[in-house]
Amino acid sequence: MAASATVSQFPPCCNSLIPKRGVITLFGYGIAATVARGHLMLKCGIGSERYEGHFARIGHGLRRLVVIGSDGFVSLAALRWLADQDATFVMLERDDSVLAVTGPVRSSDARLRRAQALAHASGTAVEIARELIRRKLDAQRKLAGDGLGNAPAAQQIACVQSALADAKTIEAIRLIESQAAFAYWSAWRTLPITFPKKDVSRIPDHWKKFGSRVSPLTGSPRLAANPPNAMLNYLYALLESEARLAVAALGLDPGLGVLHMDAPARDSLACDVMEPIRPEVDAYVLRWITHGMLKREWFLEQRNGNARLMGTFAVQLCETLPTWGCAVAPIAEYVAKALWRPKARLRDRHPTRLTQSHRREASDSATDLPSIKPPRPDALCQNCGASIGRARTYCVACANISSTARLLKVAEQGRILAHTDAAEARRGETQKRQWTGRGSWKPTDLPDWLNEEVYRREIQPKLKEVSLSEIAAKLGISIMWASDIRRGRCIPHPRHWSRLARLARVGICHE
């Protein structure tokens, strides 16, 4: 007996990898980044859905290559190809942690590294930490008041922030930041999360609101238990990778922080630099939640309850990398300048490799670094979750179903209202009045010249010039019946012909 086929024998479908906003994200299994005949060759995907891309050294448009996961390989030639093109390589773990970041190599200044190492002893660390947290709390207070509409939380953050100027130690600054964070994230707790109607029955209850920023699995933000917190963790990882590249490009050591404590597997200075930009990431997620929807297929719930991002959705979020890189650049340069100042001579100025502010000042051009807006999320159908235009609410199929259901509902409501006791009583009175009129009318009351032929030929055509309200008032009938009479759909009882003739100004000569 022949065995039945259980595995598809169709060849895998390969889609093209195209840089979006200069970013390409590789995910899935069998990831490969190699170089062949001078071209960067990229492969990734899951199952039969594969993606491939070939890029020459000129006109490739690639600025950042992001790899999610560790199933695959990246050759040394591929890393050299990226370095020659000033492109960045970022490797992220599936739990939203940053594994590796490589970018353009810059020479460092020993004086700057020495000043960074002595920042705590010289007091520069307190100055930098105070400024970083001040900027962060300013943004959190504004977002809590304007974005979340929680004035008490914004007032509480402002009250806590007022003590920042008197903080003289790193520990005091950390305490102020934690107190403000408690008020800030409390304003997020009841924020509702919207899903398409078809996904509502497939999601747990704790996914329907933002909830606590602290995960019940770890007692910290790590291993988020619902989609919005998983999005924040992933975007923070992208921001951390950009912060690492920024401080390394300026010649700083990413591991020597001023605010975060030293840790074996953490670049503390990168975490310090990203603090003022965290509210910008929060604002991006807030706009997504309040003006759009999340789809169930974008997330995976593991057996322990940890919510993870699917690869296709992670690719979409990776397109925000240029935004965070542009936002973190002036913060990193501020830190480098603050560390450089005590050791530098008057004629020395720390280079601004990221923002090029010195060059713009010399050329009398704009001094403000232009910002890069993150991509807007796709608008989704509120019923099935399909991508639609921004001016619409439903896709074509769901709109047709919705309009049909709405018409049926209106018809059902009309049928119910038409059979109420009051409606039945009014209908009975009308019928009684009409039958009484018919019984009291005699054919001799009709003029000799007025018959059905005259009505059809002379009266009915001229009724088009008479309003429906006049016809209905003259005959004591409804507007709908008057419309049928004026259009010729029905011939009224002969007792009405004389009145209609007077409305149409017919029969004057006969009289």
Protein backbone atom coordinates (compact mmCIF):
# COMPACT_ATOMS: atom_id res chain seq x y z
CA MET A 1 0.00 0.00 0.00
CA ALA A 2 1.45 3.35 -1.03
CA ALA A 3 2.15 5.89 1.69
CA SER A 4 0.21 9.14 1.55
CA ALA A 5 2.09 12.36 1.02
CA THR A 6 2.52 14.37 4.22
CA VAL A 7 5.13 16.91 3.11
CA SER A 8 4.57 19.44 0.35
CA GLN A 9 6.79 18.83 -2.66
CA PHE A 10 6.38 22.29 -4.14
CA PRO A 11 9.59 24.35 -4.41
CA PRO A 12 9.97 27.14 -1.86
CA CYS A 13 8.68 30.56 -2.85
CA CYS A 14 11.46 33.17 -2.71
CA ASN A 15 10.54 36.82 -2.24
CA SER A 16 12.91 39.70 -2.77
CA LEU A 17 14.51 41.50 0.16
CA ILE A 18 14.24 45.23 -0.41
CA PRO A 19 15.60 47.87 1.99
CA LYS A 20 12.84 49.88 3.63
CA ARG A 21 14.12 53.14 5.08
CA GLY A 22 17.59 51.66 4.63
CA VAL A 23 16.87 48.63 6.87
CA ILE A 24 16.75 44.91 6.03
CA THR A 25 15.74 42.41 8.73
CA LEU A 26 16.61 38.71 8.50
CA PHE A 27 14.49 36.32 10.59
CA GLY A 28 13.44 32.70 10.73
CA TYR A 29 15.67 29.71 10.01
CA GLY A 30 18.54 29.14 7.64
CA ILE A 31 19.64 32.78 7.79
CA ALA A 32 22.66 33.43 5.57
CA ALA A 33 24.72 36.52 4.80
CA THR A 34 27.60 35.90 2.40
CA VAL A 35 29.49 37.61 -0.40
CA ALA A 36 29.68 36.21 -3.94
CA ARG A 37 31.31 38.01 -6.89
CA GLY A 38 31.30 41.26 -4.94
CA HIS A 39 27.57 41.07 -4.12
CA LEU A 40 26.10 40.74 -0.65
CA MET A 41 23.86 37.65 -0.68
CA LEU A 42 21.13 37.47 1.96
CA LYS A 43 18.70 34.63 2.72
CA CYS A 44 16.08 34.09 5.42
CA GLY A 45 12.53 32.90 5.99
CA ILE A 46 10.35 30.28 7.64
CA GLY A 47 9.29 27.06 5.94
CA SER A 48 8.45 27.46 2.28
CA GLU A 49 8.24 31.25 2.55
CA ARG A 50 11.80 32.29 1.80
CA TYR A 51 13.37 35.67 1.12
CA GLU A 52 16.51 36.46 -0.86
CA GLY A 53 18.42 39.58 -1.80
CA HIS A 54 21.50 40.40 -3.89
CA PHE A 55 23.14 43.80 -3.43
CA ALA A 56 25.98 45.40 -5.36
CA ARG A 57 28.39 47.84 -3.76
CA ILE A 58 26.83 50.80 -5.58
CA GLY A 59 23.18 51.83 -5.24
CA HIS A 60 22.21 49.21 -2.68
CA GLY A 61 20.50 51.63 -0.24
CA LEU A 62 21.37 49.42 2.75
CA ARG A 63 22.27 51.22 5.97
CA ARG A 64 21.39 48.65 8.64
CA LEU A 65 21.25 44.85 8.54
CA VAL A 66 19.31 43.35 11.46
CA VAL A 67 19.37 39.62 12.29
CA ILE A 68 16.80 38.17 14.68
CA GLY A 69 17.75 34.80 16.13
CA SER A 70 20.81 32.61 15.77
CA ASP A 71 19.82 29.92 13.26
CA GLY A 72 22.20 30.58 10.37
CA PHE A 73 25.57 32.16 9.68
CA VAL A 74 27.17 35.46 8.69
CA SER A 75 30.52 35.24 6.91
CA LEU A 76 33.51 37.45 7.67
CA ALA A 77 33.39 38.66 4.08
CA ALA A 78 29.81 39.86 4.66
CA LEU A 79 30.88 41.81 7.77
CA ARG A 80 33.74 43.36 5.77
CA TRP A 81 31.32 44.24 2.95
CA LEU A 82 29.05 46.04 5.44
CA ALA A 83 32.01 47.85 7.02
CA ASP A 84 33.24 49.05 3.61
CA GLN A 85 29.77 50.47 2.89
CA ASP A 86 29.46 52.14 6.34
CA ALA A 87 26.48 49.91 7.07
CA THR A 88 25.58 48.62 10.52
CA PHE A 89 25.12 45.01 11.58
CA VAL A 90 22.79 44.33 14.52
CA MET A 91 22.03 40.91 16.01
CA LEU A 92 19.05 40.58 18.35
CA GLU A 93 17.96 37.62 20.43
CA ARG A 94 14.37 36.43 20.30
CA ASP A 95 13.85 37.68 23.89
CA ASP A 96 14.54 41.30 22.75
CA SER A 97 18.13 41.46 24.00
CA VAL A 98 20.99 42.87 21.92
CA LEU A 99 23.64 40.24 21.13
CA ALA A 100 26.02 42.11 18.85
CA VAL A 101 26.34 45.49 17.16
CA THR A 102 29.02 46.44 14.65
CA GLY A 103 29.36 49.69 12.77
CA PRO A 104 31.92 51.95 11.13
CA VAL A 105 35.21 51.86 13.06
CA ARG A 106 36.36 55.21 14.47
CA SER A 107 39.59 56.08 16.21
CA SER A 108 39.22 57.11 19.85
CA ASP A 109 40.96 59.78 21.86
CA ALA A 110 42.78 58.55 24.97
CA ARG A 111 41.97 61.80 26.79
CA LEU A 112 38.26 61.22 26.31
CA ARG A 113 38.46 57.62 27.54
CA ARG A 114 40.44 58.73 30.58
CA ALA A 115 37.90 61.46 31.36
CA GLN A 116 35.11 58.91 31.03
CA ALA A 117 36.83 56.55 33.47
CA LEU A 118 37.28 59.37 36.00
CA ALA A 119 33.78 60.87 35.57
CA HIS A 120 32.55 59.71 38.99
CA ALA A 121 35.60 61.03 40.78
CA SER A 122 35.50 64.41 39.02
CA GLY A 123 31.77 64.94 39.56
CA THR A 124 31.01 65.01 35.84
CA ALA A 125 28.94 61.83 36.14
CA VAL A 126 26.41 63.53 38.45
CA GLU A 127 26.10 66.49 36.07
CA ILE A 128 25.51 64.24 33.06
CA ALA A 129 23.08 61.95 34.90
CA ARG A 130 21.07 64.93 36.18
CA GLU A 131 20.73 66.37 32.66
CA LEU A 132 19.78 63.03 31.10
CA ILE A 133 17.07 62.38 33.66
CA ARG A 134 15.82 65.97 33.42
CA ARG A 135 15.23 65.54 29.70
CA LYS A 136 13.57 62.18 30.26
CA LEU A 137 11.20 63.48 32.94
CA ASP A 138 10.29 66.50 30.83
CA ALA A 139 9.23 64.20 28.00
CA GLN A 140 7.39 61.81 30.34
CA ARG A 141 5.48 64.65 31.97
CA LYS A 142 4.39 66.00 28.59
CA LEU A 143 3.35 62.56 27.32
CA ALA A 144 1.41 61.77 30.50
CA GLY A 145 -0.50 65.04 30.32
CA ASP A 146 -1.01 65.51 26.57
CA GLY A 147 -0.82 61.97 25.19
CA LEU A 148 -2.47 59.98 27.99
CA GLY A 149 -4.68 62.80 29.26
CA ASN A 150 -3.71 62.11 32.88
CA ALA A 151 -3.13 65.50 34.50
CA PRO A 152 -2.60 64.12 38.06
CA ALA A 153 0.22 61.83 36.83
CA ALA A 154 1.84 64.74 34.97
CA GLN A 155 1.59 66.90 38.10
CA GLN A 156 3.14 64.15 40.21
CA ILE A 157 6.05 63.79 37.78
CA ALA A 158 6.60 67.55 37.86
CA CYS A 159 6.59 67.51 41.67
CA VAL A 160 9.19 64.75 41.75
CA GLN A 161 11.26 66.47 39.09
CA SER A 162 11.51 69.64 41.18
CA ALA A 163 13.85 67.81 43.56
CA LEU A 164 16.26 66.91 40.75
CA ALA A 165 18.20 70.18 40.95
CA ASP A 166 19.18 69.46 44.56
CA ALA A 167 20.30 65.85 43.88
CA LYS A 168 24.03 65.61 44.57
CA THR A 169 24.60 61.88 44.15
CA ILE A 170 23.84 59.23 41.54
CA GLU A 171 21.75 57.34 44.10
CA ALA A 172 19.52 60.37 44.66
CA ILE A 173 19.02 60.80 40.91
CA ARG A 174 18.08 57.13 40.55
CA LEU A 175 15.54 57.47 43.35
CA ILE A 176 13.91 60.48 41.68
CA GLU A 177 13.79 58.65 38.35
CA SER A 178 12.13 55.60 39.96
CA GLN A 179 9.51 57.72 41.72
CA ALA A 180 8.64 59.49 38.47
CA ALA A 181 8.52 56.15 36.64
CA PHE A 182 5.94 54.82 39.12
CA ALA A 183 3.61 57.77 38.43
CA TYR A 184 4.29 57.63 34.69
CA TRP A 185 3.55 53.94 34.17
CA SER A 186 0.51 54.12 36.45
CA ALA A 187 -1.06 56.38 33.83
CA TRP A 188 -0.61 53.62 31.24
CA ARG A 189 -2.17 50.83 33.30
CA THR A 190 -5.82 51.12 32.09
CA LEU A 191 -5.02 51.96 28.46
CA PRO A 192 -7.25 49.70 26.29
CA ILE A 193 -5.72 47.64 23.48
CA THR A 194 -7.81 47.18 20.33
CA PHE A 195 -7.84 44.05 18.18
CA PRO A 196 -9.94 43.22 15.09
CA LYS A 197 -13.30 41.67 15.92
CA LYS A 198 -12.30 38.29 14.54
CA ASP A 199 -9.32 38.13 16.96
CA VAL A 200 -11.17 39.13 20.15
CA SER A 201 -12.24 35.56 20.98
CA ARG A 202 -8.65 34.30 20.55
CA ILE A 203 -6.85 36.60 22.96
CA PRO A 204 -6.60 36.38 26.79
CA ASP A 205 -8.14 39.08 28.94
CA HIS A 206 -4.80 40.53 30.10
CA TRP A 207 -3.97 41.35 26.45
CA LYS A 208 -6.91 43.77 26.24
CA LYS A 209 -5.23 46.52 28.27
CA PHE A 210 -1.71 47.78 28.82
CA GLY A 211 -1.54 46.63 32.44
CA SER A 212 1.60 46.84 34.51
CA ARG A 213 5.00 47.58 33.01
CA VAL A 214 6.46 44.99 35.41
CA SER A 215 6.08 41.46 34.05
CA PRO A 216 4.63 38.86 36.48
CA LEU A 217 7.16 36.37 35.08
CA THR A 218 10.31 38.22 36.13
CA GLY A 219 9.30 41.11 38.43
CA SER A 220 10.90 43.44 35.87
CA PRO A 221 10.02 44.67 32.35
CA ARG A 222 11.80 41.65 30.83
CA LEU A 223 9.69 38.80 29.41
CA ALA A 224 6.56 40.87 28.80
CA ALA A 225 3.21 39.18 29.30
CA ASN A 226 1.17 41.16 26.77
CA PRO A 227 1.68 42.66 23.27
CA PRO A 228 2.18 46.39 24.05
CA ASN A 229 4.91 45.68 26.60
CA ALA A 230 6.54 43.24 24.17
CA MET A 231 6.55 46.02 21.55
CA LEU A 232 8.21 48.40 24.01
CA ASN A 233 10.89 45.86 24.92
CA TYR A 234 11.71 45.24 21.28
CA LEU A 235 11.82 48.93 20.38
CA TYR A 236 14.02 49.60 23.42
CA ALA A 237 16.40 46.92 22.12
CA LEU A 238 16.55 48.70 18.77
CA LEU A 239 17.18 51.99 20.57
CA GLU A 240 19.95 50.38 22.63
CA SER A 241 21.69 49.15 19.48
CA GLU A 242 21.63 52.68 18.05
CA ALA A 243 22.94 54.08 21.34
CA ARG A 244 25.83 51.59 21.28
CA LEU A 245 26.77 52.64 17.77
CA ALA A 246 26.53 56.32 18.66
CA VAL A 247 28.82 56.23 21.71
CA ALA A 248 31.31 53.95 19.92
CA ALA A 249 31.43 56.28 16.93
CA LEU A 250 32.36 59.14 19.27
CA GLY A 251 35.26 57.19 20.80
CA LEU A 252 33.55 56.39 24.11
CA ASP A 253 33.49 53.06 25.91
CA PRO A 254 29.85 51.77 25.86
CA GLY A 255 30.44 49.79 29.07
CA LEU A 256 31.51 52.67 31.36
CA GLY A 257 28.24 54.28 32.40
CA VAL A 258 27.44 57.26 34.60
CA LEU A 259 23.89 56.43 35.74
CA HIS A 260 23.48 52.67 35.31
CA MET A 261 25.52 50.41 37.52
CA ASP A 262 28.28 48.31 36.01
CA ALA A 263 27.08 44.89 34.88
CA PRO A 264 28.99 42.06 33.15
CA ALA A 265 26.64 41.79 30.15
CA ARG A 266 25.44 45.37 29.75
CA ASP A 267 26.73 48.46 28.00
CA SER A 268 25.85 50.89 30.76
CA LEU A 269 26.74 54.09 28.88
CA ALA A 270 24.52 53.06 25.97
CA CYS A 271 21.67 52.57 28.46
CA ASP A 272 22.38 56.02 29.91
CA VAL A 273 22.30 57.71 26.52
CA MET A 274 19.01 56.10 25.53
CA GLU A 275 17.14 57.29 28.66
CA PRO A 276 15.98 60.68 27.25
CA ILE A 277 14.76 58.95 24.06
CA ARG A 278 12.63 56.30 25.80
CA PRO A 279 9.59 58.62 25.96
CA GLU A 280 9.80 59.06 22.18
CA VAL A 281 9.54 55.28 21.81
CA ASP A 282 6.63 55.31 24.28
CA ALA A 283 4.89 58.01 22.24
CA TYR A 284 5.26 55.92 19.07
CA VAL A 285 3.66 52.89 20.74
CA LEU A 286 0.95 55.10 22.25
CA ARG A 287 0.01 56.51 18.83
CA TRP A 288 -0.12 52.98 17.45
CA ILE A 289 -2.42 51.79 20.24
CA THR A 290 -4.76 54.78 20.28
CA HIS A 291 -5.04 55.30 16.50
CA GLY A 292 -4.68 51.73 15.26
CA MET A 293 -5.03 48.08 16.18
CA LEU A 294 -2.87 45.07 16.89
CA LYS A 295 -3.34 41.70 15.20
CA ARG A 296 -3.24 38.38 16.99
CA GLU A 297 -1.00 36.87 14.32
CA TRP A 298 1.73 39.39 15.14
CA PHE A 299 2.38 37.81 18.54
CA LEU A 300 3.21 34.42 19.99
CA GLU A 301 2.37 33.39 23.55
CA GLN A 302 4.86 30.87 24.91
CA ARG A 303 4.04 28.17 27.42
CA ASN A 304 5.12 30.32 30.35
CA GLY A 305 2.90 33.23 29.21
CA ASN A 306 5.67 35.31 27.66
CA ALA A 307 4.42 37.35 24.68
CA ARG A 308 6.88 37.42 21.77
CA LEU A 309 6.83 39.21 18.43
CA MET A 310 6.50 37.19 15.25
CA GLY A 311 9.19 37.75 12.63
CA THR A 312 6.98 39.58 10.14
CA PHE A 313 5.93 42.12 12.76
CA ALA A 314 9.49 42.52 14.06
CA VAL A 315 10.56 43.41 10.52
CA GLN A 316 7.99 46.21 10.53
CA LEU A 317 9.30 47.62 13.82
CA CYS A 318 12.91 47.46 12.62
CA GLU A 319 12.06 50.12 10.06
CA THR A 320 12.10 52.62 12.96
CA LEU A 321 15.87 52.24 13.45
CA PRO A 322 16.78 55.42 11.51
CA THR A 323 14.40 57.39 13.73
CA TRP A 324 16.05 56.28 16.95
CA GLY A 325 19.54 56.71 15.50
CA CYS A 326 18.75 60.31 14.58
CA ALA A 327 17.19 60.98 18.00
CA VAL A 328 20.02 59.52 20.08
CA ALA A 329 22.85 61.25 18.16
CA PRO A 330 22.67 64.68 19.92
CA ILE A 331 22.36 62.99 23.32
CA ALA A 332 25.53 60.98 22.73
CA GLU A 333 27.37 64.09 21.57
CA TYR A 334 26.23 65.96 24.67
CA VAL A 335 27.72 63.23 26.89
CA ALA A 336 30.99 63.27 24.93
CA LYS A 337 31.17 67.06 25.14
CA ALA A 338 30.50 67.05 28.89
CA LEU A 339 33.27 64.49 29.44
CA TRP A 340 35.65 66.31 27.09
CA ARG A 341 35.29 69.77 28.64
CA PRO A 342 37.41 69.35 31.83
CA LYS A 343 40.37 67.86 29.94
CA ALA A 344 40.30 69.83 26.69
CA ARG A 345 42.27 72.90 25.82
CA LEU A 346 40.49 76.07 24.79
CA ARG A 347 41.30 75.53 21.13
CA ASP A 348 40.07 71.94 21.15
CA ARG A 349 36.52 70.99 20.29
CA HIS A 350 35.17 67.49 20.43
CA PRO A 351 34.19 66.27 16.93
CA THR A 352 30.48 66.01 16.12
CA ARG A 353 30.59 62.99 13.84
CA LEU A 354 26.93 62.11 14.31
CA THR A 355 25.12 65.45 13.90
CA GLN A 356 27.81 67.37 11.96
CA SER A 357 26.79 70.46 13.94
CA HIS A 358 30.28 72.05 13.71
CA ARG A 359 30.23 71.76 9.93
CA ARG A 360 26.73 73.27 9.69
CA GLU A 361 27.73 76.14 11.97
CA ALA A 362 30.76 76.87 9.79
CA SER A 363 28.61 76.92 6.64
CA ASP A 364 25.87 79.07 8.26
CA SER A 365 23.28 76.35 7.63
CA ALA A 366 20.57 75.17 9.99
CA THR A 367 21.99 74.16 13.35
CA ASP A 368 19.16 71.83 14.34
CA LEU A 369 19.50 68.21 13.30
CA PRO A 370 16.51 67.25 11.13
CA SER A 371 14.42 64.53 12.72
CA ILE A 372 13.26 61.36 10.96
CA LYS A 373 9.66 60.41 11.61
CA PRO A 374 9.01 56.72 12.24
CA PRO A 375 6.84 54.91 9.67
CA ARG A 376 3.11 55.03 10.27
CA PRO A 377 1.50 51.66 10.98
CA ASP A 378 -0.86 50.27 8.38
CA ALA A 379 -4.56 50.94 8.89
CA LEU A 380 -6.46 47.71 9.57
CA CYS A 381 -10.04 46.66 9.01
CA GLN A 382 -11.85 46.72 12.35
CA ASN A 383 -13.55 43.43 11.56
CA CYS A 384 -11.02 41.11 9.86
CA GLY A 385 -7.71 42.99 10.31
CA ALA A 386 -6.88 43.33 6.60
CA SER A 387 -4.77 46.30 5.49
CA ILE A 388 -6.94 49.13 4.16
CA GLY A 389 -6.68 52.79 3.27
CA ARG A 390 -6.42 55.32 6.08
CA ALA A 391 -9.69 57.02 5.19
CA ARG A 392 -11.65 53.79 5.63
CA THR A 393 -12.83 51.70 8.56
CA TYR A 394 -13.61 48.35 6.91
CA CYS A 395 -12.28 46.46 3.91
CA VAL A 396 -14.56 46.03 0.87
CA ALA A 397 -15.83 42.61 1.93
CA CYS A 398 -16.55 43.60 5.52
CA ALA A 399 -18.08 46.91 4.42
CA ASN A 400 -20.59 45.06 2.23
CA ILE A 401 -21.44 42.68 5.06
CA SER A 402 -21.73 45.56 7.50
CA SER A 403 -24.01 47.61 5.23
CA THR A 404 -26.25 44.60 4.60
CA ALA A 405 -26.48 43.88 8.32
CA ARG A 406 -27.21 47.54 9.01
CA LEU A 407 -30.04 47.59 6.43
CA LEU A 408 -31.51 44.41 7.87
CA LYS A 409 -31.35 45.91 11.34
CA VAL A 410 -33.08 49.09 10.21
CA ALA A 411 -35.75 47.04 8.43
CA GLU A 412 -36.28 44.93 11.53
CA GLN A 413 -36.57 48.02 13.71
CA GLY A 414 -39.06 49.52 11.24
CA ARG A 415 -41.08 46.32 11.25
CA ILE A 416 -41.19 46.32 15.05
CA LEU A 417 -42.23 49.97 15.21
CA ALA A 418 -44.90 49.40 12.58
CA HIS A 419 -46.60 46.79 14.77
CA THR A 420 -46.73 48.60 18.09
CA ASP A 421 -50.11 49.19 19.74
CA ALA A 422 -50.06 52.89 18.90
CA ALA A 423 -49.20 52.21 15.25
CA GLU A 424 -51.95 49.63 14.98
CA ALA A 425 -54.45 52.08 16.51
CA ARG A 426 -53.48 54.84 14.05
CA ARG A 427 -53.68 52.40 11.16
CA GLY A 428 -57.17 51.34 12.28
CA GLU A 429 -58.39 54.93 12.47
CA THR A 430 -57.08 55.65 8.99
CA GLN A 431 -58.75 52.62 7.48
CA LYS A 432 -62.01 53.44 9.23
CA ARG A 433 -61.90 56.98 7.84
CA GLN A 434 -61.20 55.75 4.30
CA TRP A 435 -63.99 53.17 4.35
CA THR A 436 -66.41 55.74 5.75
CA GLY A 437 -65.53 58.09 2.89
CA ARG A 438 -66.07 55.38 0.34
CA GLY A 439 -69.44 54.45 1.84
CA SER A 440 -70.77 58.00 1.85
CA TRP A 441 -69.61 58.79 -1.68
CA LYS A 442 -72.00 58.39 -4.64
CA PRO A 443 -71.08 58.15 -8.35
CA THR A 444 -73.47 61.02 -9.04
CA ASP A 445 -71.15 63.33 -7.06
CA LEU A 446 -68.62 63.04 -9.89
CA PRO A 447 -68.91 65.70 -12.67
CA ASP A 448 -70.09 64.46 -16.08
CA TRP A 449 -66.85 65.39 -17.81
CA LEU A 450 -64.59 63.66 -15.25
CA ASN A 451 -63.88 59.99 -15.86
CA GLU A 452 -60.91 57.65 -15.70
CA GLU A 453 -59.75 58.54 -19.21
CA VAL A 454 -59.67 62.25 -18.38
CA TYR A 455 -57.83 61.51 -15.14
CA ARG A 456 -55.13 59.51 -16.92
CA ARG A 457 -54.75 61.94 -19.82
CA GLU A 458 -55.04 65.38 -18.18
CA ILE A 459 -54.84 65.18 -14.38
CA GLN A 460 -52.14 62.64 -13.59
CA PRO A 461 -49.38 64.20 -15.82
CA LYS A 462 -49.92 67.63 -14.20
CA LEU A 463 -49.64 66.21 -10.68
CA LYS A 464 -45.83 66.20 -11.11
CA GLU A 465 -45.96 69.97 -10.52
CA VAL A 466 -47.77 69.54 -7.20
CA SER A 467 -45.85 68.81 -3.99
CA LEU A 468 -46.38 65.57 -2.12
CA SER A 469 -47.34 67.40 1.05
CA GLU A 470 -50.16 69.20 -0.75
CA ILE A 471 -51.50 65.96 -2.21
CA ALA A 472 -51.27 64.16 1.15
CA ALA A 473 -53.01 67.04 3.02
CA LYS A 474 -55.75 67.39 0.41
CA LEU A 475 -56.64 63.70 0.37
CA GLY A 476 -55.79 62.88 4.00
CA ILE A 477 -53.31 60.15 3.04
CA SER A 478 -49.62 59.37 3.73
CA ILE A 479 -46.67 60.82 1.85
CA MET A 480 -45.79 57.37 0.48
CA TRP A 481 -49.28 56.92 -0.97
CA ALA A 482 -49.18 60.46 -2.38
CA SER A 483 -45.87 59.58 -4.09
CA ASP A 484 -47.41 56.52 -5.73
CA ILE A 485 -50.35 58.63 -6.97
CA ARG A 486 -48.11 61.36 -8.40
CA ARG A 487 -45.89 58.83 -10.19
CA GLY A 488 -48.91 57.00 -11.62
CA ARG A 489 -48.24 53.75 -9.85
CA CYS A 490 -51.82 53.61 -8.64
CA ILE A 491 -55.15 55.26 -9.48
CA PRO A 492 -56.91 56.71 -6.42
CA HIS A 493 -60.60 56.17 -5.68
CA PRO A 494 -62.91 58.27 -7.94
CA ARG A 495 -63.97 60.35 -4.93
CA HIS A 496 -60.48 61.89 -4.94
CA TRP A 497 -60.45 62.84 -8.63
CA SER A 498 -62.24 66.16 -8.14
CA ARG A 499 -59.75 67.31 -5.48
CA LEU A 500 -56.79 66.23 -7.61
CA ALA A 501 -58.26 68.04 -10.60
CA ARG A 502 -58.39 71.28 -8.60
CA LEU A 503 -54.74 70.77 -7.45
CA ALA A 504 -53.67 70.21 -11.06
CA ARG A 505 -55.86 73.11 -12.28
CA VAL A 506 -57.78 70.85 -14.65
CA GLY A 507 -61.51 71.21 -15.39
CA ILE A 508 -61.80 74.98 -14.92
CA CYS A 509 -63.09 75.41 -18.44
CA HIS A 510 -65.68 72.69 -17.89
CA GLU A 511 -67.00 74.51 -14.85
